[in-house]
Amino acid sequence: MKSPRNHRGYWAFLGHRLSGLALAIFLPVHFYVLGLALEEDGQRLDGFLKFSDLAVVKVGEWGLVLLLSLHMFFGLRLLALELLPWSSTRDARLSWIGWGGALSLAIGFVFVARII
């Protein structure tokens, strides 16, 4: 018998949960920083915009786009599993995991191509 932790469904579950947690941590901080930047006369916003031009921040933005797309596609997979009629083939349901991961990577690569 296969270990449940060595199954594609487990990795999709883990990716969905961890990306959701990362986004839940990031978004309040992001909104707080935006609020601080908009509160001042504009110099603080200019400082944040200069900071966002750093390479390490661009890599972080790519990671956020990748997490967001992973969370979206794996969430859509869960909705499909819950709301659509079950197909007779297990492989069709497992292929949704591969498509979700591939589409997430494609979105991440498009984002990287736009910022380079």
Protein backbone atom coordinates (compact mmCIF):
# COMPACT_ATOMS: atom_id res chain seq x y z
CA MET A 1 0.00 0.00 0.00
CA LYS A 2 1.24 3.47 -0.88
CA SER A 3 1.97 5.93 1.87
CA PRO A 4 -0.63 8.73 1.89
CA ARG A 5 2.20 11.25 1.94
CA ASN A 6 3.54 9.92 -1.34
CA HIS A 7 0.31 10.53 -3.23
CA ARG A 8 -0.34 13.40 -5.65
CA GLY A 9 -3.57 14.23 -3.84
CA TYR A 10 -1.67 14.74 -0.60
CA TRP A 11 0.78 17.12 -2.27
CA ALA A 12 -2.10 19.06 -3.84
CA PHE A 13 -3.73 19.29 -0.40
CA LEU A 14 -0.47 20.44 1.17
CA GLY A 15 0.17 22.99 -1.59
CA HIS A 16 -3.33 24.40 -1.23
CA ARG A 17 -3.10 24.69 2.56
CA LEU A 18 0.41 26.14 2.71
CA SER A 19 -0.24 28.66 -0.06
CA GLY A 20 -3.39 29.73 1.76
CA LEU A 21 -1.47 30.21 5.00
CA ALA A 22 1.27 32.19 3.26
CA LEU A 23 -1.30 34.44 1.61
CA ALA A 24 -3.15 34.90 4.90
CA ILE A 25 0.08 36.07 6.51
CA PHE A 26 1.11 38.31 3.61
CA LEU A 27 -2.13 40.14 2.86
CA PRO A 28 -2.64 41.90 6.24
CA VAL A 29 0.99 43.05 6.21
CA HIS A 30 0.59 44.25 2.63
CA PHE A 31 -2.55 46.23 3.42
CA TYR A 32 -0.91 47.72 6.52
CA VAL A 33 2.10 48.90 4.53
CA LEU A 34 -0.17 50.31 1.82
CA GLY A 35 -2.16 52.17 4.46
CA LEU A 36 1.01 53.64 5.95
CA ALA A 37 2.28 54.66 2.54
CA LEU A 38 -0.95 56.37 1.53
CA GLU A 39 -1.27 58.15 4.89
CA GLU A 40 1.80 60.34 4.42
CA ASP A 41 2.56 63.05 1.91
CA GLY A 42 3.89 60.66 -0.72
CA GLN A 43 7.54 60.40 0.32
CA ARG A 44 6.89 57.17 2.16
CA LEU A 45 5.09 55.74 -0.86
CA ASP A 46 8.05 56.70 -3.06
CA GLY A 47 10.34 54.89 -0.62
CA PHE A 48 8.22 51.74 -0.78
CA LEU A 49 8.16 51.91 -4.57
CA LYS A 50 11.96 52.19 -4.68
CA PHE A 51 12.18 49.24 -2.29
CA SER A 52 9.90 47.21 -4.57
CA ASP A 53 12.40 47.64 -7.43
CA LEU A 54 14.99 45.50 -5.61
CA ALA A 55 15.68 42.08 -7.12
CA VAL A 56 14.90 40.21 -3.92
CA VAL A 57 11.48 41.86 -3.77
CA LYS A 58 10.83 40.87 -7.40
CA VAL A 59 11.63 37.26 -6.50
CA GLY A 60 9.23 37.56 -3.56
CA GLU A 61 6.53 38.95 -5.86
CA TRP A 62 7.04 36.00 -8.19
CA GLY A 63 6.65 33.67 -5.23
CA LEU A 64 3.41 35.38 -4.25
CA VAL A 65 2.03 35.11 -7.78
CA LEU A 66 2.98 31.43 -7.82
CA LEU A 67 1.34 30.85 -4.41
CA LEU A 68 -1.79 32.69 -5.47
CA SER A 69 -2.13 30.71 -8.69
CA LEU A 70 -1.45 27.41 -6.87
CA HIS A 71 -4.08 28.25 -4.30
CA MET A 72 -6.56 29.21 -7.00
CA PHE A 73 -6.09 26.14 -9.20
CA PHE A 74 -6.00 23.64 -6.34
CA GLY A 75 -9.07 25.33 -4.87
CA LEU A 76 -10.84 24.99 -8.23
CA ARG A 77 -9.85 21.32 -8.20
CA LEU A 78 -11.46 20.89 -4.80
CA LEU A 79 -14.62 22.62 -5.99
CA ALA A 80 -14.74 20.35 -9.02
CA LEU A 81 -14.33 17.28 -6.81
CA GLU A 82 -17.17 18.42 -4.57
CA LEU A 83 -19.62 19.79 -7.11
CA LEU A 84 -19.13 17.90 -10.37
CA PRO A 85 -20.25 14.32 -10.93
CA TRP A 86 -17.55 11.77 -10.28
CA SER A 87 -15.94 10.26 -13.34
CA SER A 88 -15.29 6.58 -13.44
CA THR A 89 -11.54 7.01 -13.90
CA ARG A 90 -9.29 7.92 -11.03
CA ASP A 91 -6.60 9.09 -13.47
CA ALA A 92 -8.80 11.92 -14.74
CA ARG A 93 -9.12 13.34 -11.23
CA LEU A 94 -5.39 12.98 -10.61
CA SER A 95 -4.56 14.75 -13.87
CA TRP A 96 -6.29 17.87 -12.49
CA ILE A 97 -3.42 18.11 -10.00
CA GLY A 98 -0.86 18.10 -12.80
CA TRP A 99 -2.79 20.66 -14.82
CA GLY A 100 -3.17 22.91 -11.77
CA GLY A 101 0.54 22.79 -11.06
CA ALA A 102 1.46 23.31 -14.71
CA LEU A 103 -0.88 26.29 -15.11
CA SER A 104 0.47 27.82 -11.91
CA LEU A 105 4.03 27.51 -13.17
CA ALA A 106 3.00 28.99 -16.52
CA ILE A 107 1.47 32.01 -14.78
CA GLY A 108 4.63 32.36 -12.70
CA PHE A 109 6.81 32.29 -15.81
CA VAL A 110 4.63 34.89 -17.55
CA PHE A 111 4.99 37.12 -14.49
CA VAL A 112 8.78 36.69 -14.49
CA ALA A 113 8.93 37.45 -18.22
CA ARG A 114 7.01 40.70 -17.67
CA ILE A 115 9.23 41.98 -14.85
CA ILE A 116 12.54 41.17 -16.53
